[in-house]
Amino acid sequence: MHHAPIVVHRISPSGGRRVTMLVAGHEDILGLAHSDADVIEFLRRAEVPDPDEVVLGDSPLVDWVGGEPHVYEQEPSDTDIP
C-alpha cells in the first residue's frame, strides 16, 4: 500500500513509468512518464502546486516504487551482450 498521494511506479519493460495520483479516494492514472519533465507536466495538468519542487525535491507527496527515483529506463543487463 502506498502512503503518498502521487506514485511513480516501477519501470515498464518497454521503458517509462506509470504515474498515478490519489484523488478523492480514487487512484487516477496521469500518464506514462519517460522523464522528470513528463511527471512535472502531469502534475501541472492535475493542478498540483509547485510540481517542480514536488518532483525534484525530497517531497513526501511522491512515492517512487520499484527502482531509483528519476530513472525511467532499465539498465541493460550483462547477459544481453552477445
C-alpha atoms as a PDB file:
ATOM      1  CA  MET A   1       0.000   0.000   0.000  1.00  0.00           C
ATOM      2  CA  HIS A   2       1.288   3.432  -0.939  1.00  0.00           C
ATOM      3  CA  HIS A   3       1.197   6.257   1.588  1.00  0.00           C
ATOM      4  CA  ALA A   4       1.946   9.163  -0.728  1.00  0.00           C
ATOM      5  CA  PRO A   5      -0.842  10.560  -2.914  1.00  0.00           C
ATOM      6  CA  ILE A   6       1.412  10.565  -6.013  1.00  0.00           C
ATOM      7  CA  VAL A   7       3.041   7.296  -7.095  1.00  0.00           C
ATOM      8  CA  VAL A   8       5.687   6.863  -9.781  1.00  0.00           C
ATOM      9  CA  HIS A   9       5.513   3.128 -10.439  1.00  0.00           C
ATOM     10  CA  ARG A  10       8.240   0.676 -11.454  1.00  0.00           C
ATOM     11  CA  ILE A  11       9.840   0.916 -14.878  1.00  0.00           C
ATOM     12  CA  SER A  12       7.822  -0.895 -17.534  1.00  0.00           C
ATOM     13  CA  PRO A  13       9.611  -3.447 -19.751  1.00  0.00           C
ATOM     14  CA  SER A  14       9.282  -1.080 -22.730  1.00  0.00           C
ATOM     15  CA  GLY A  15      10.518   1.913 -20.701  1.00  0.00           C
ATOM     16  CA  GLY A  16       8.817   4.698 -18.837  1.00  0.00           C
ATOM     17  CA  ARG A  17       6.979   4.725 -15.527  1.00  0.00           C
ATOM     18  CA  ARG A  18       3.245   4.976 -14.903  1.00  0.00           C
ATOM     19  CA  VAL A  19       2.281   7.930 -12.719  1.00  0.00           C
ATOM     20  CA  THR A  20      -0.844   7.817 -10.578  1.00  0.00           C
ATOM     21  CA  MET A  21      -2.414  10.214  -8.108  1.00  0.00           C
ATOM     22  CA  LEU A  22      -4.939   9.593  -5.361  1.00  0.00           C
ATOM     23  CA  VAL A  23      -7.905  11.909  -5.907  1.00  0.00           C
ATOM     24  CA  ALA A  24     -10.953  11.743  -3.626  1.00  0.00           C
ATOM     25  CA  GLY A  25     -10.088   8.180  -2.602  1.00  0.00           C
ATOM     26  CA  HIS A  26      -9.649   7.005  -6.212  1.00  0.00           C
ATOM     27  CA  GLU A  27      -6.335   6.321  -7.962  1.00  0.00           C
ATOM     28  CA  ASP A  28      -6.195   8.218 -11.269  1.00  0.00           C
ATOM     29  CA  ILE A  29      -3.609   7.381 -13.936  1.00  0.00           C
ATOM     30  CA  LEU A  30      -1.911  10.600 -15.020  1.00  0.00           C
ATOM     31  CA  GLY A  31       0.238   9.070 -17.764  1.00  0.00           C
ATOM     32  CA  LEU A  32       3.413   7.214 -18.697  1.00  0.00           C
ATOM     33  CA  ALA A  33       6.490   9.298 -17.900  1.00  0.00           C
ATOM     34  CA  HIS A  34       9.818   8.967 -19.683  1.00  0.00           C
ATOM     35  CA  SER A  35      11.456  11.818 -17.764  1.00  0.00           C
ATOM     36  CA  ASP A  36      11.068  14.105 -14.756  1.00  0.00           C
ATOM     37  CA  ALA A  37       9.718  16.731 -17.172  1.00  0.00           C
ATOM     38  CA  ASP A  38       6.846  14.369 -18.035  1.00  0.00           C
ATOM     39  CA  VAL A  39       5.991  13.844 -14.355  1.00  0.00           C
ATOM     40  CA  ILE A  40       6.123  17.606 -13.739  1.00  0.00           C
ATOM     41  CA  GLU A  41       3.778  18.211 -16.684  1.00  0.00           C
ATOM     42  CA  PHE A  42       1.321  15.551 -15.470  1.00  0.00           C
ATOM     43  CA  LEU A  43       1.248  17.176 -12.021  1.00  0.00           C
ATOM     44  CA  ARG A  44       0.884  20.664 -13.532  1.00  0.00           C
ATOM     45  CA  ARG A  45      -2.151  19.452 -15.512  1.00  0.00           C
ATOM     46  CA  ALA A  46      -3.562  17.913 -12.312  1.00  0.00           C
ATOM     47  CA  GLU A  47      -3.158  21.372 -10.707  1.00  0.00           C
ATOM     48  CA  VAL A  48      -0.639  20.230  -8.087  1.00  0.00           C
ATOM     49  CA  PRO A  49       1.021  23.335  -6.588  1.00  0.00           C
ATOM     50  CA  ASP A  50       4.762  23.689  -7.327  1.00  0.00           C
ATOM     51  CA  PRO A  51       5.105  20.474  -9.379  1.00  0.00           C
ATOM     52  CA  ASP A  52       8.838  21.124  -9.971  1.00  0.00           C
ATOM     53  CA  GLU A  53       9.512  21.109  -6.228  1.00  0.00           C
ATOM     54  CA  VAL A  54       7.305  18.054  -5.716  1.00  0.00           C
ATOM     55  CA  VAL A  55       9.217  16.000  -8.310  1.00  0.00           C
ATOM     56  CA  LEU A  56      12.753  17.332  -7.951  1.00  0.00           C
ATOM     57  CA  GLY A  57      12.723  17.890  -4.186  1.00  0.00           C
ATOM     58  CA  ASP A  58      12.506  15.282  -1.475  1.00  0.00           C
ATOM     59  CA  SER A  59       8.738  15.582  -1.210  1.00  0.00           C
ATOM     60  CA  PRO A  60       6.700  13.202   0.951  1.00  0.00           C
ATOM     61  CA  LEU A  61       3.923  13.609  -1.646  1.00  0.00           C
ATOM     62  CA  VAL A  62       5.706  11.262  -4.092  1.00  0.00           C
ATOM     63  CA  ASP A  63       6.365   7.555  -3.656  1.00  0.00           C
ATOM     64  CA  TRP A  64       8.934   6.181  -6.140  1.00  0.00           C
ATOM     65  CA  VAL A  65       8.208   2.435  -6.425  1.00  0.00           C
ATOM     66  CA  GLY A  66      10.429  -0.321  -7.783  1.00  0.00           C
ATOM     67  CA  GLY A  67      13.640   1.455  -8.572  1.00  0.00           C
ATOM     68  CA  GLU A  68      15.689   4.550  -8.112  1.00  0.00           C
ATOM     69  CA  PRO A  69      13.900   7.888  -8.294  1.00  0.00           C
ATOM     70  CA  HIS A  70      14.321   9.827 -11.541  1.00  0.00           C
ATOM     71  CA  VAL A  71      15.284   6.724 -13.573  1.00  0.00           C
ATOM     72  CA  TYR A  72      12.928   5.842 -16.433  1.00  0.00           C
ATOM     73  CA  GLU A  73      14.725   3.158 -18.435  1.00  0.00           C
ATOM     74  CA  GLN A  74      16.007  -0.226 -17.288  1.00  0.00           C
ATOM     75  CA  GLU A  75      19.749  -0.737 -17.237  1.00  0.00           C
ATOM     76  CA  PRO A  76      20.847  -3.245 -19.881  1.00  0.00           C
ATOM     77  CA  SER A  77      21.940  -6.489 -18.279  1.00  0.00           C
ATOM     78  CA  ASP A  78      25.319  -8.072 -18.977  1.00  0.00           C
ATOM     79  CA  THR A  79      23.522 -11.112 -20.370  1.00  0.00           C
ATOM     80  CA  ASP A  80      22.084  -9.014 -23.221  1.00  0.00           C
ATOM     81  CA  ILE A  81      25.533  -8.664 -24.780  1.00  0.00           C
ATOM     82  CA  PRO A  82      26.177 -11.322 -27.466  1.00  0.00           C
END
